[in-house]
Structure formats: structure tokens, C-alpha cells
């Protein structure tokens, strides 16, 4: 026991430079998104939600953001030097979550799409599907450049059935918990509550999936936020109403799964998944040493 404790203290001390590098790269990437992209390619105005491909966005800002995020992920992976292969994705997740705080919530998106009061329409939610597809491209690009290097990404063998089961369990548990944790269906959208709901839901979703399947490979967990968000957008587009009492209110999200904007679902979901997997792997390795 005494021989193990000094090595644990050395490991904790050696982790601090990596954490500082991580914070520095996240801050640098956020600054590029907030002060450069917002001021040039994606001028959104006051309280406009951050949507890169739809809404105020388009192809040009989408390409610029993709390039900026991949560069930030590569820098984060190089500086932090972790062997887990998740550092670049973690940088991107934190930066996106921070960037989204400088814009409106889903309520503002609905107000922008429904400027005239009237019955709810699914048309406000359909563009979100394209936004989720864009973030899927971003996540895939960052993973291809940085995430495939680590042991969690490559060396943990798992059959296809267990991997798919892990993804289904993660998405299902997260979706149910978001429905519960997002508050009253007819209430306003509060960003803090949205972030809390998404983070806690995916933490518990990943824990449940690992318990059920034992799957450790990152690739089976990454699509979770995208799947939950797309399902939420499809549900809202097909059933946008809140009931007869709210028949003429179109600025309240139809479902809790659509309360997070795509950038919020992906950014916070990524951070929650990556930190949960990293913690679980570390605890497993300590148990193996004992």
C-alpha cells in the first residue's frame, strides 16, 4: 500500500500540466469561435442561437468552423500528449459548450422561426436535422484525426452486437433522463438546466452501457448525443403541439429532447461521455493493479 501511494501522487502531479494545457487550448479555441467566427463569417446579433449550418449560418461558416475545430483538436492532442486519444474531442466539446453560452436558447430559435404567433408547426424543427448532420461530420472528422490513436479507441476488442447494444443503452437511458431532468414541458428553456440534464443523462447512460456490455471503445458511445438529438427533432417535427391549452403557442419546445440546441447536445454530450469513459478506464486499471 505504501509503495502504491507515492506513484499515485506522482501521477496526480503529472496530470496537472496536461489539464492546464487543456484549459489553455479550450480558451484559445473558444476565443477563435467567439471573436473571429462571430465577428466575420457568422454574425448572429443579440440573443441569436448558435447554429452554424442553418439559421444564420451556411456553407462558408460551416467550413470555417470545421477547420478551426480540427486545428484546435490537433493542437490539444499534441500539447496535452495523452495516450487515451480523447483529448482533441474533449477540447472540441468544451469549446462548443462555452461558445453556445453566448447565444440564445431553443426558445429564441423558435421565436426566430415563428415571428408571428400561431399554431405550432414542425417546420421550425426540420432544419435542426441538417444541423445535427453537420455536427456528425465535425465529430467524425475530429475523431478520424485524433480519436483513433488511443487505446480506448483501438485496442479494446468488442463484437458488433455488444457495441450496438452499448450505443442503444447509452442513447435510451440518456433520452429518458433528459425527459425527466429538463423540467416542466411547458416551461421556459434555461441553459443551465439544459446543460445539467444532458451531462447527467449521458454520464449515467455511459455507466449503464458499460455495466451491461463491458464495451470500452469510444466509437460506440460518440453517436449517442447525435442520435438523441435527431430523435428529439423528429418527434418535435411530427408532433409540435403542446396540447389544446397551448394550441396557439409556438415558441415553447415541443419535447424535452429538443430543448438543447444541436451545439449544446453535442458539446455537453461529448464532454460527459469522454470524462465518464476516462474515469471508468482509470478506475478499472487501478483495480487490475490491486
C-alpha atoms as a PDB file:
ATOM      1  CA  UNK A   1       0.000   0.000   0.000  1.00  0.00           C
ATOM      2  CA  UNK A   2       2.807   2.386   0.873  1.00  0.00           C
ATOM      3  CA  UNK A   3       4.508   1.620  -2.440  1.00  0.00           C
ATOM      4  CA  UNK A   4       1.386   2.494  -4.384  1.00  0.00           C
ATOM      5  CA  UNK A   5       0.627   5.827  -2.714  1.00  0.00           C
ATOM      6  CA  UNK A   6       3.773   7.675  -3.927  1.00  0.00           C
ATOM      7  CA  UNK A   7       3.137   6.574  -7.521  1.00  0.00           C
ATOM      8  CA  UNK A   8      -0.433   7.853  -7.258  1.00  0.00           C
ATOM      9  CA  UNK A   9       0.831  11.242  -6.035  1.00  0.00           C
ATOM     10  CA  UNK A  10       3.322  11.385  -8.920  1.00  0.00           C
ATOM     11  CA  UNK A  11       0.535  10.550 -11.368  1.00  0.00           C
ATOM     12  CA  UNK A  12      -1.671  13.308  -9.954  1.00  0.00           C
ATOM     13  CA  UNK A  13       1.166  15.861 -10.173  1.00  0.00           C
ATOM     14  CA  UNK A  14       1.996  14.850 -13.737  1.00  0.00           C
ATOM     15  CA  UNK A  15      -1.652  15.280 -14.754  1.00  0.00           C
ATOM     16  CA  UNK A  16      -1.709  18.977 -13.850  1.00  0.00           C
ATOM     17  CA  UNK A  17       0.340  20.255 -16.821  1.00  0.00           C
ATOM     18  CA  UNK A  18      -1.999  18.374 -19.142  1.00  0.00           C
ATOM     19  CA  UNK A  19      -5.022  19.958 -17.511  1.00  0.00           C
ATOM     20  CA  UNK A  20      -3.523  23.416 -17.831  1.00  0.00           C
ATOM     21  CA  UNK A  21      -2.721  22.785 -21.488  1.00  0.00           C
ATOM     22  CA  UNK A  22      -6.275  21.557 -21.993  1.00  0.00           C
ATOM     23  CA  UNK A  23      -7.731  24.698 -20.428  1.00  0.00           C
ATOM     24  CA  UNK A  24      -5.425  26.901 -22.500  1.00  0.00           C
ATOM     25  CA  UNK A  25      -6.345  25.215 -25.805  1.00  0.00           C
ATOM     26  CA  UNK A  26     -10.064  25.310 -24.953  1.00  0.00           C
ATOM     27  CA  UNK A  27      -9.801  29.025 -24.163  1.00  0.00           C
ATOM     28  CA  UNK A  28      -7.883  29.672 -27.392  1.00  0.00           C
ATOM     29  CA  UNK A  29     -10.387  27.728 -29.497  1.00  0.00           C
ATOM     30  CA  UNK A  30     -13.343  29.425 -27.813  1.00  0.00           C
ATOM     31  CA  UNK A  31     -11.742  32.825 -28.471  1.00  0.00           C
ATOM     32  CA  UNK A  32     -11.367  31.970 -32.140  1.00  0.00           C
ATOM     33  CA  UNK A  33     -15.012  30.921 -32.370  1.00  0.00           C
ATOM     34  CA  UNK A  34     -16.363  33.866 -30.379  1.00  0.00           C
ATOM     35  CA  UNK A  35     -14.169  36.734 -31.533  1.00  0.00           C
ATOM     36  CA  UNK A  36     -13.309  35.644 -35.072  1.00  0.00           C
ATOM     37  CA  UNK A  37     -16.148  33.488 -36.407  1.00  0.00           C
ATOM     38  CA  UNK A  38     -18.917  35.509 -34.724  1.00  0.00           C
ATOM     39  CA  UNK A  39     -17.433  38.755 -36.000  1.00  0.00           C
ATOM     40  CA  UNK A  40     -16.874  37.645 -39.587  1.00  0.00           C
ATOM     41  CA  UNK A  41     -18.492  34.518 -41.003  1.00  0.00           C
ATOM     42  CA  UNK A  42     -21.345  34.114 -38.532  1.00  0.00           C
ATOM     43  CA  UNK A  43     -22.633  37.494 -37.276  1.00  0.00           C
ATOM     44  CA  UNK A  44     -25.659  36.478 -35.233  1.00  0.00           C
ATOM     45  CA  UNK A  45     -26.770  39.556 -33.351  1.00  0.00           C
ATOM     46  CA  UNK A  46     -28.068  39.711 -29.792  1.00  0.00           C
ATOM     47  CA  UNK A  47     -29.554  36.530 -28.315  1.00  0.00           C
ATOM     48  CA  UNK A  48     -29.443  34.632 -31.609  1.00  0.00           C
ATOM     49  CA  UNK A  49     -28.801  30.920 -31.007  1.00  0.00           C
ATOM     50  CA  UNK A  50     -25.558  29.422 -32.264  1.00  0.00           C
ATOM     51  CA  UNK A  51     -26.409  27.443 -35.389  1.00  0.00           C
ATOM     52  CA  UNK A  52     -23.526  27.007 -37.805  1.00  0.00           C
ATOM     53  CA  UNK A  53     -25.085  25.344 -40.837  1.00  0.00           C
ATOM     54  CA  UNK A  54     -28.715  26.529 -40.617  1.00  0.00           C
ATOM     55  CA  UNK A  55     -30.339  29.731 -39.380  1.00  0.00           C
ATOM     56  CA  UNK A  56     -27.730  32.486 -39.517  1.00  0.00           C
ATOM     57  CA  UNK A  57     -25.139  30.025 -40.776  1.00  0.00           C
ATOM     58  CA  UNK A  58     -24.389  28.447 -44.124  1.00  0.00           C
ATOM     59  CA  UNK A  59     -21.735  26.551 -46.042  1.00  0.00           C
ATOM     60  CA  UNK A  60     -18.972  29.134 -45.591  1.00  0.00           C
ATOM     61  CA  UNK A  61     -19.211  29.472 -41.782  1.00  0.00           C
ATOM     62  CA  UNK A  62     -19.686  25.705 -41.523  1.00  0.00           C
ATOM     63  CA  UNK A  63     -16.409  25.061 -43.349  1.00  0.00           C
ATOM     64  CA  UNK A  64     -14.566  27.710 -41.321  1.00  0.00           C
ATOM     65  CA  UNK A  65     -15.800  26.276 -38.027  1.00  0.00           C
ATOM     66  CA  UNK A  66     -14.897  22.736 -39.122  1.00  0.00           C
ATOM     67  CA  UNK A  67     -11.354  23.804 -39.987  1.00  0.00           C
ATOM     68  CA  UNK A  68     -10.975  25.754 -36.754  1.00  0.00           C
ATOM     69  CA  UNK A  69     -12.231  22.866 -34.629  1.00  0.00           C
ATOM     70  CA  UNK A  70      -9.964  20.307 -36.275  1.00  0.00           C
ATOM     71  CA  UNK A  71      -6.956  22.589 -35.821  1.00  0.00           C
ATOM     72  CA  UNK A  72      -7.873  23.110 -32.149  1.00  0.00           C
ATOM     73  CA  UNK A  73      -8.281  19.352 -31.681  1.00  0.00           C
ATOM     74  CA  UNK A  74      -4.882  18.640 -33.225  1.00  0.00           C
ATOM     75  CA  UNK A  75      -3.197  21.287 -31.087  1.00  0.00           C
ATOM     76  CA  UNK A  76      -4.882  19.923 -27.974  1.00  0.00           C
ATOM     77  CA  UNK A  77      -3.780  16.376 -28.779  1.00  0.00           C
ATOM     78  CA  UNK A  78      -0.212  17.497 -29.460  1.00  0.00           C
ATOM     79  CA  UNK A  79       0.148  19.715 -26.384  1.00  0.00           C
ATOM     80  CA  UNK A  80      -1.591  17.504 -23.864  1.00  0.00           C
ATOM     81  CA  UNK A  81       0.133  14.360 -25.066  1.00  0.00           C
ATOM     82  CA  UNK A  82      -2.348  11.949 -23.540  1.00  0.00           C
ATOM     83  CA  UNK A  83      -2.423   8.416 -24.874  1.00  0.00           C
ATOM     84  CA  UNK A  84      -6.164   7.990 -24.472  1.00  0.00           C
ATOM     85  CA  UNK A  85      -6.890   9.551 -27.864  1.00  0.00           C
ATOM     86  CA  UNK A  86      -9.739  11.629 -26.449  1.00  0.00           C
ATOM     87  CA  UNK A  87      -8.029  14.944 -25.808  1.00  0.00           C
ATOM     88  CA  UNK A  88      -8.874  16.508 -29.159  1.00  0.00           C
ATOM     89  CA  UNK A  89     -12.548  15.589 -28.856  1.00  0.00           C
ATOM     90  CA  UNK A  90     -12.580  16.894 -25.294  1.00  0.00           C
ATOM     91  CA  UNK A  91     -11.184  20.246 -26.427  1.00  0.00           C
ATOM     92  CA  UNK A  92     -13.895  20.490 -29.081  1.00  0.00           C
ATOM     93  CA  UNK A  93     -16.678  19.544 -26.665  1.00  0.00           C
ATOM     94  CA  UNK A  94     -15.675  22.120 -24.056  1.00  0.00           C
ATOM     95  CA  UNK A  95     -15.196  24.848 -26.674  1.00  0.00           C
ATOM     96  CA  UNK A  96     -18.609  24.226 -28.245  1.00  0.00           C
ATOM     97  CA  UNK A  97     -20.368  24.222 -24.880  1.00  0.00           C
ATOM     98  CA  UNK A  98     -18.706  27.538 -23.973  1.00  0.00           C
ATOM     99  CA  UNK A  99     -19.399  29.091 -27.369  1.00  0.00           C
ATOM    100  CA  UNK A 100     -23.098  28.249 -27.168  1.00  0.00           C
ATOM    101  CA  UNK A 101     -23.472  30.224 -23.932  1.00  0.00           C
ATOM    102  CA  UNK A 102     -23.043  33.473 -25.892  1.00  0.00           C
ATOM    103  CA  UNK A 103     -26.232  32.926 -27.866  1.00  0.00           C
ATOM    104  CA  UNK A 104     -29.893  32.273 -27.305  1.00  0.00           C
ATOM    105  CA  UNK A 105     -31.571  29.012 -26.320  1.00  0.00           C
ATOM    106  CA  UNK A 106     -34.069  26.875 -28.195  1.00  0.00           C
ATOM    107  CA  UNK A 107     -36.746  29.377 -27.166  1.00  0.00           C
ATOM    108  CA  UNK A 108     -35.016  32.083 -29.209  1.00  0.00           C
ATOM    109  CA  UNK A 109     -34.702  29.690 -32.150  1.00  0.00           C
ATOM    110  CA  UNK A 110     -38.454  29.119 -32.100  1.00  0.00           C
ATOM    111  CA  UNK A 111     -39.128  32.845 -31.831  1.00  0.00           C
ATOM    112  CA  UNK A 112     -36.883  33.419 -34.807  1.00  0.00           C
ATOM    113  CA  UNK A 113     -38.634  30.745 -36.870  1.00  0.00           C
ATOM    114  CA  UNK A 114     -42.127  31.737 -35.686  1.00  0.00           C
ATOM    115  CA  UNK A 115     -42.150  35.562 -35.559  1.00  0.00           C
ATOM    116  CA  UNK A 116     -45.952  35.673 -35.810  1.00  0.00           C
ATOM    117  CA  UNK A 117     -47.977  33.967 -33.032  1.00  0.00           C
ATOM    118  CA  UNK A 118     -49.926  30.985 -34.245  1.00  0.00           C
ATOM    119  CA  UNK A 119     -50.351  27.218 -34.045  1.00  0.00           C
ATOM    120  CA  UNK A 120     -47.121  25.235 -33.560  1.00  0.00           C
ATOM    121  CA  UNK A 121     -45.528  23.923 -36.731  1.00  0.00           C
ATOM    122  CA  UNK A 122     -42.977  21.202 -37.292  1.00  0.00           C
ATOM    123  CA  UNK A 123     -41.232  23.392 -39.875  1.00  0.00           C
ATOM    124  CA  UNK A 124     -39.206  25.068 -37.113  1.00  0.00           C
ATOM    125  CA  UNK A 125     -37.596  21.753 -36.157  1.00  0.00           C
ATOM    126  CA  UNK A 126     -36.799  20.283 -39.570  1.00  0.00           C
ATOM    127  CA  UNK A 127     -33.671  22.469 -40.139  1.00  0.00           C
ATOM    128  CA  UNK A 128     -32.220  21.116 -36.903  1.00  0.00           C
ATOM    129  CA  UNK A 129     -31.812  17.753 -38.623  1.00  0.00           C
ATOM    130  CA  UNK A 130     -29.376  19.331 -41.080  1.00  0.00           C
ATOM    131  CA  UNK A 131     -27.546  20.985 -38.186  1.00  0.00           C
ATOM    132  CA  UNK A 132     -27.155  17.609 -36.459  1.00  0.00           C
ATOM    133  CA  UNK A 133     -25.819  16.081 -39.659  1.00  0.00           C
ATOM    134  CA  UNK A 134     -23.244  18.867 -39.801  1.00  0.00           C
ATOM    135  CA  UNK A 135     -22.113  18.156 -36.243  1.00  0.00           C
ATOM    136  CA  UNK A 136     -21.915  14.464 -37.119  1.00  0.00           C
ATOM    137  CA  UNK A 137     -19.411  15.398 -39.844  1.00  0.00           C
ATOM    138  CA  UNK A 138     -17.447  17.508 -37.353  1.00  0.00           C
ATOM    139  CA  UNK A 139     -17.291  14.746 -34.743  1.00  0.00           C
ATOM    140  CA  UNK A 140     -16.299  12.180 -37.366  1.00  0.00           C
ATOM    141  CA  UNK A 141     -13.543  14.447 -38.710  1.00  0.00           C
ATOM    142  CA  UNK A 142     -12.097  15.170 -35.269  1.00  0.00           C
ATOM    143  CA  UNK A 143     -12.266  11.502 -34.308  1.00  0.00           C
ATOM    144  CA  UNK A 144     -10.558  10.442 -37.533  1.00  0.00           C
ATOM    145  CA  UNK A 145      -7.712  12.907 -36.916  1.00  0.00           C
ATOM    146  CA  UNK A 146      -7.223  12.471 -33.175  1.00  0.00           C
ATOM    147  CA  UNK A 147      -9.513   9.925 -31.559  1.00  0.00           C
ATOM    148  CA  UNK A 148      -8.289   6.755 -33.247  1.00  0.00           C
ATOM    149  CA  UNK A 149      -4.834   6.929 -31.687  1.00  0.00           C
ATOM    150  CA  UNK A 150      -5.665   5.918 -28.152  1.00  0.00           C
ATOM    151  CA  UNK A 151      -6.118   2.528 -26.521  1.00  0.00           C
ATOM    152  CA  UNK A 152      -9.765   3.240 -25.761  1.00  0.00           C
ATOM    153  CA  UNK A 153     -10.348   3.787 -29.462  1.00  0.00           C
ATOM    154  CA  UNK A 154      -8.459   0.826 -30.893  1.00  0.00           C
ATOM    155  CA  UNK A 155      -7.268  -1.864 -28.531  1.00  0.00           C
ATOM    156  CA  UNK A 156     -10.409  -2.842 -26.661  1.00  0.00           C
ATOM    157  CA  UNK A 157     -11.887  -5.696 -28.637  1.00  0.00           C
ATOM    158  CA  UNK A 158     -15.664  -5.903 -28.761  1.00  0.00           C
ATOM    159  CA  UNK A 159     -18.086  -7.689 -31.025  1.00  0.00           C
ATOM    160  CA  UNK A 160     -20.592  -5.823 -33.130  1.00  0.00           C
ATOM    161  CA  UNK A 161     -23.594  -6.868 -31.067  1.00  0.00           C
ATOM    162  CA  UNK A 162     -22.097  -5.583 -27.800  1.00  0.00           C
ATOM    163  CA  UNK A 163     -21.089  -2.318 -29.456  1.00  0.00           C
ATOM    164  CA  UNK A 164     -24.553  -1.688 -30.869  1.00  0.00           C
ATOM    165  CA  UNK A 165     -26.102  -2.645 -27.535  1.00  0.00           C
ATOM    166  CA  UNK A 166     -23.850  -0.154 -25.746  1.00  0.00           C
ATOM    167  CA  UNK A 167     -24.921   2.600 -28.123  1.00  0.00           C
ATOM    168  CA  UNK A 168     -28.615   1.761 -27.748  1.00  0.00           C
ATOM    169  CA  UNK A 169     -28.402   1.628 -23.949  1.00  0.00           C
ATOM    170  CA  UNK A 170     -26.482   4.911 -23.802  1.00  0.00           C
ATOM    171  CA  UNK A 171     -28.959   6.726 -26.044  1.00  0.00           C
ATOM    172  CA  UNK A 172     -32.054   5.200 -24.425  1.00  0.00           C
ATOM    173  CA  UNK A 173     -31.001   5.941 -20.842  1.00  0.00           C
ATOM    174  CA  UNK A 174     -29.877   9.466 -21.759  1.00  0.00           C
ATOM    175  CA  UNK A 175     -33.134  10.193 -23.614  1.00  0.00           C
ATOM    176  CA  UNK A 176     -35.316   9.062 -20.721  1.00  0.00           C
ATOM    177  CA  UNK A 177     -33.294  11.037 -18.185  1.00  0.00           C
ATOM    178  CA  UNK A 178     -33.340  14.200 -20.323  1.00  0.00           C
ATOM    179  CA  UNK A 179     -37.135  13.930 -20.441  1.00  0.00           C
ATOM    180  CA  UNK A 180     -37.165  13.796 -16.649  1.00  0.00           C
ATOM    181  CA  UNK A 181     -34.441  16.328 -15.832  1.00  0.00           C
ATOM    182  CA  UNK A 182     -35.430  19.064 -18.282  1.00  0.00           C
ATOM    183  CA  UNK A 183     -38.249  20.355 -16.105  1.00  0.00           C
ATOM    184  CA  UNK A 184     -41.884  21.085 -16.956  1.00  0.00           C
ATOM    185  CA  UNK A 185     -42.762  20.547 -20.582  1.00  0.00           C
ATOM    186  CA  UNK A 186     -44.433  23.938 -20.838  1.00  0.00           C
ATOM    187  CA  UNK A 187     -41.751  25.900 -19.005  1.00  0.00           C
ATOM    188  CA  UNK A 188     -39.083  28.192 -20.410  1.00  0.00           C
ATOM    189  CA  UNK A 189     -35.757  26.780 -21.535  1.00  0.00           C
ATOM    190  CA  UNK A 190     -32.904  27.544 -19.140  1.00  0.00           C
ATOM    191  CA  UNK A 191     -29.401  26.840 -20.406  1.00  0.00           C
ATOM    192  CA  UNK A 192     -28.073  25.744 -17.034  1.00  0.00           C
ATOM    193  CA  UNK A 193     -30.825  23.177 -16.688  1.00  0.00           C
ATOM    194  CA  UNK A 194     -30.248  22.000 -20.264  1.00  0.00           C
ATOM    195  CA  UNK A 195     -26.527  21.506 -19.647  1.00  0.00           C
ATOM    196  CA  UNK A 196     -27.207  19.731 -16.358  1.00  0.00           C
ATOM    197  CA  UNK A 197     -29.784  17.420 -17.936  1.00  0.00           C
ATOM    198  CA  UNK A 198     -27.571  16.490 -20.890  1.00  0.00           C
ATOM    199  CA  UNK A 199     -24.441  15.987 -18.776  1.00  0.00           C
ATOM    200  CA  UNK A 200     -26.043  13.850 -16.069  1.00  0.00           C
ATOM    201  CA  UNK A 201     -28.041  11.845 -18.605  1.00  0.00           C
ATOM    202  CA  UNK A 202     -25.037  10.843 -20.677  1.00  0.00           C
ATOM    203  CA  UNK A 203     -22.870  10.160 -17.639  1.00  0.00           C
ATOM    204  CA  UNK A 204     -25.435   7.693 -16.340  1.00  0.00           C
ATOM    205  CA  UNK A 205     -26.128   6.395 -19.843  1.00  0.00           C
ATOM    206  CA  UNK A 206     -22.465   5.511 -20.395  1.00  0.00           C
ATOM    207  CA  UNK A 207     -22.211   3.945 -16.940  1.00  0.00           C
ATOM    208  CA  UNK A 208     -25.273   1.797 -17.640  1.00  0.00           C
ATOM    209  CA  UNK A 209     -23.960   0.733 -21.050  1.00  0.00           C
ATOM    210  CA  UNK A 210     -20.562  -0.255 -19.634  1.00  0.00           C
ATOM    211  CA  UNK A 211     -22.266  -2.200 -16.879  1.00  0.00           C
ATOM    212  CA  UNK A 212     -24.481  -4.063 -19.339  1.00  0.00           C
ATOM    213  CA  UNK A 213     -21.966  -4.730 -22.123  1.00  0.00           C
ATOM    214  CA  UNK A 214     -18.482  -4.018 -20.794  1.00  0.00           C
ATOM    215  CA  UNK A 215     -17.763  -2.120 -24.014  1.00  0.00           C
ATOM    216  CA  UNK A 216     -14.913   0.383 -23.723  1.00  0.00           C
ATOM    217  CA  UNK A 217     -14.420   1.505 -27.329  1.00  0.00           C
ATOM    218  CA  UNK A 218     -15.134   5.180 -27.762  1.00  0.00           C
ATOM    219  CA  UNK A 219     -16.648   4.756 -31.214  1.00  0.00           C
ATOM    220  CA  UNK A 220     -19.762   3.074 -29.775  1.00  0.00           C
ATOM    221  CA  UNK A 221     -20.553   5.979 -27.463  1.00  0.00           C
ATOM    222  CA  UNK A 222     -19.804   9.004 -29.648  1.00  0.00           C
ATOM    223  CA  UNK A 223     -23.020   8.867 -31.725  1.00  0.00           C
ATOM    224  CA  UNK A 224     -25.190   8.958 -28.580  1.00  0.00           C
ATOM    225  CA  UNK A 225     -25.821  12.738 -28.445  1.00  0.00           C
ATOM    226  CA  UNK A 226     -26.433  12.850 -32.195  1.00  0.00           C
ATOM    227  CA  UNK A 227     -28.981  10.037 -32.027  1.00  0.00           C
ATOM    228  CA  UNK A 228     -30.844  11.532 -29.076  1.00  0.00           C
ATOM    229  CA  UNK A 229     -30.886  14.968 -30.712  1.00  0.00           C
ATOM    230  CA  UNK A 230     -32.095  13.661 -34.067  1.00  0.00           C
ATOM    231  CA  UNK A 231     -34.847  11.626 -32.402  1.00  0.00           C
ATOM    232  CA  UNK A 232     -35.909  14.735 -30.483  1.00  0.00           C
ATOM    233  CA  UNK A 233     -36.034  16.844 -33.644  1.00  0.00           C
ATOM    234  CA  UNK A 234     -38.049  14.175 -35.466  1.00  0.00           C
ATOM    235  CA  UNK A 235     -40.517  13.912 -32.597  1.00  0.00           C
ATOM    236  CA  UNK A 236     -40.922  17.683 -32.433  1.00  0.00           C
ATOM    237  CA  UNK A 237     -41.352  17.953 -36.200  1.00  0.00           C
ATOM    238  CA  UNK A 238     -44.028  15.249 -36.242  1.00  0.00           C
ATOM    239  CA  UNK A 239     -45.843  16.378 -33.082  1.00  0.00           C
ATOM    240  CA  UNK A 240     -45.040  20.071 -32.455  1.00  0.00           C
ATOM    241  CA  UNK A 241     -48.092  20.826 -30.331  1.00  0.00           C
ATOM    242  CA  UNK A 242     -48.277  21.036 -26.539  1.00  0.00           C
ATOM    243  CA  UNK A 243     -51.955  20.240 -26.245  1.00  0.00           C
ATOM    244  CA  UNK A 244     -55.237  22.159 -26.610  1.00  0.00           C
ATOM    245  CA  UNK A 245     -54.381  24.637 -23.851  1.00  0.00           C
ATOM    246  CA  UNK A 246     -51.301  25.798 -25.797  1.00  0.00           C
ATOM    247  CA  UNK A 247     -52.771  25.487 -29.277  1.00  0.00           C
ATOM    248  CA  UNK A 248     -51.587  28.950 -30.339  1.00  0.00           C
ATOM    249  CA  UNK A 249     -48.181  28.946 -28.656  1.00  0.00           C
ATOM    250  CA  UNK A 250     -45.307  28.106 -30.986  1.00  0.00           C
ATOM    251  CA  UNK A 251     -42.309  29.348 -29.004  1.00  0.00           C
ATOM    252  CA  UNK A 252     -42.090  26.593 -26.382  1.00  0.00           C
ATOM    253  CA  UNK A 253     -40.143  23.446 -27.358  1.00  0.00           C
ATOM    254  CA  UNK A 254     -42.478  20.561 -28.061  1.00  0.00           C
ATOM    255  CA  UNK A 255     -40.298  17.920 -26.389  1.00  0.00           C
ATOM    256  CA  UNK A 256     -37.571  17.941 -23.765  1.00  0.00           C
ATOM    257  CA  UNK A 257     -35.251  16.143 -26.207  1.00  0.00           C
ATOM    258  CA  UNK A 258     -35.308  19.205 -28.448  1.00  0.00           C
ATOM    259  CA  UNK A 259     -34.660  21.757 -25.710  1.00  0.00           C
ATOM    260  CA  UNK A 260     -30.884  21.510 -26.203  1.00  0.00           C
ATOM    261  CA  UNK A 261     -29.701  23.164 -29.375  1.00  0.00           C
ATOM    262  CA  UNK A 262     -27.633  20.795 -31.539  1.00  0.00           C
ATOM    263  CA  UNK A 263     -24.390  22.514 -30.496  1.00  0.00           C
ATOM    264  CA  UNK A 264     -25.389  22.160 -26.827  1.00  0.00           C
ATOM    265  CA  UNK A 265     -26.364  18.498 -27.137  1.00  0.00           C
ATOM    266  CA  UNK A 266     -23.161  17.620 -28.985  1.00  0.00           C
ATOM    267  CA  UNK A 267     -20.780  19.776 -26.942  1.00  0.00           C
ATOM    268  CA  UNK A 268     -22.010  18.849 -23.466  1.00  0.00           C
ATOM    269  CA  UNK A 269     -22.723  15.258 -24.503  1.00  0.00           C
ATOM    270  CA  UNK A 270     -19.178  14.811 -25.795  1.00  0.00           C
ATOM    271  CA  UNK A 271     -17.640  16.125 -22.586  1.00  0.00           C
ATOM    272  CA  UNK A 272     -19.857  13.927 -20.410  1.00  0.00           C
ATOM    273  CA  UNK A 273     -19.140  10.780 -22.435  1.00  0.00           C
ATOM    274  CA  UNK A 274     -15.386  11.325 -22.672  1.00  0.00           C
ATOM    275  CA  UNK A 275     -14.853  12.155 -18.999  1.00  0.00           C
ATOM    276  CA  UNK A 276     -17.013   9.211 -17.904  1.00  0.00           C
ATOM    277  CA  UNK A 277     -15.105   6.756 -20.106  1.00  0.00           C
ATOM    278  CA  UNK A 278     -11.772   8.188 -18.987  1.00  0.00           C
ATOM    279  CA  UNK A 279     -12.703   7.913 -15.314  1.00  0.00           C
ATOM    280  CA  UNK A 280     -14.060   4.387 -15.753  1.00  0.00           C
ATOM    281  CA  UNK A 281     -10.881   3.271 -17.539  1.00  0.00           C
ATOM    282  CA  UNK A 282      -8.701   4.772 -14.824  1.00  0.00           C
ATOM    283  CA  UNK A 283     -10.669   3.051 -12.077  1.00  0.00           C
ATOM    284  CA  UNK A 284     -10.543  -0.248 -13.955  1.00  0.00           C
ATOM    285  CA  UNK A 285      -6.769  -0.026 -14.349  1.00  0.00           C
ATOM    286  CA  UNK A 286      -6.342   0.666 -10.616  1.00  0.00           C
ATOM    287  CA  UNK A 287      -8.493  -2.347  -9.785  1.00  0.00           C
ATOM    288  CA  UNK A 288      -6.369  -4.504 -12.083  1.00  0.00           C
ATOM    289  CA  UNK A 289      -3.179  -3.293 -10.351  1.00  0.00           C
ATOM    290  CA  UNK A 290      -4.601  -4.185  -6.977  1.00  0.00           C
END
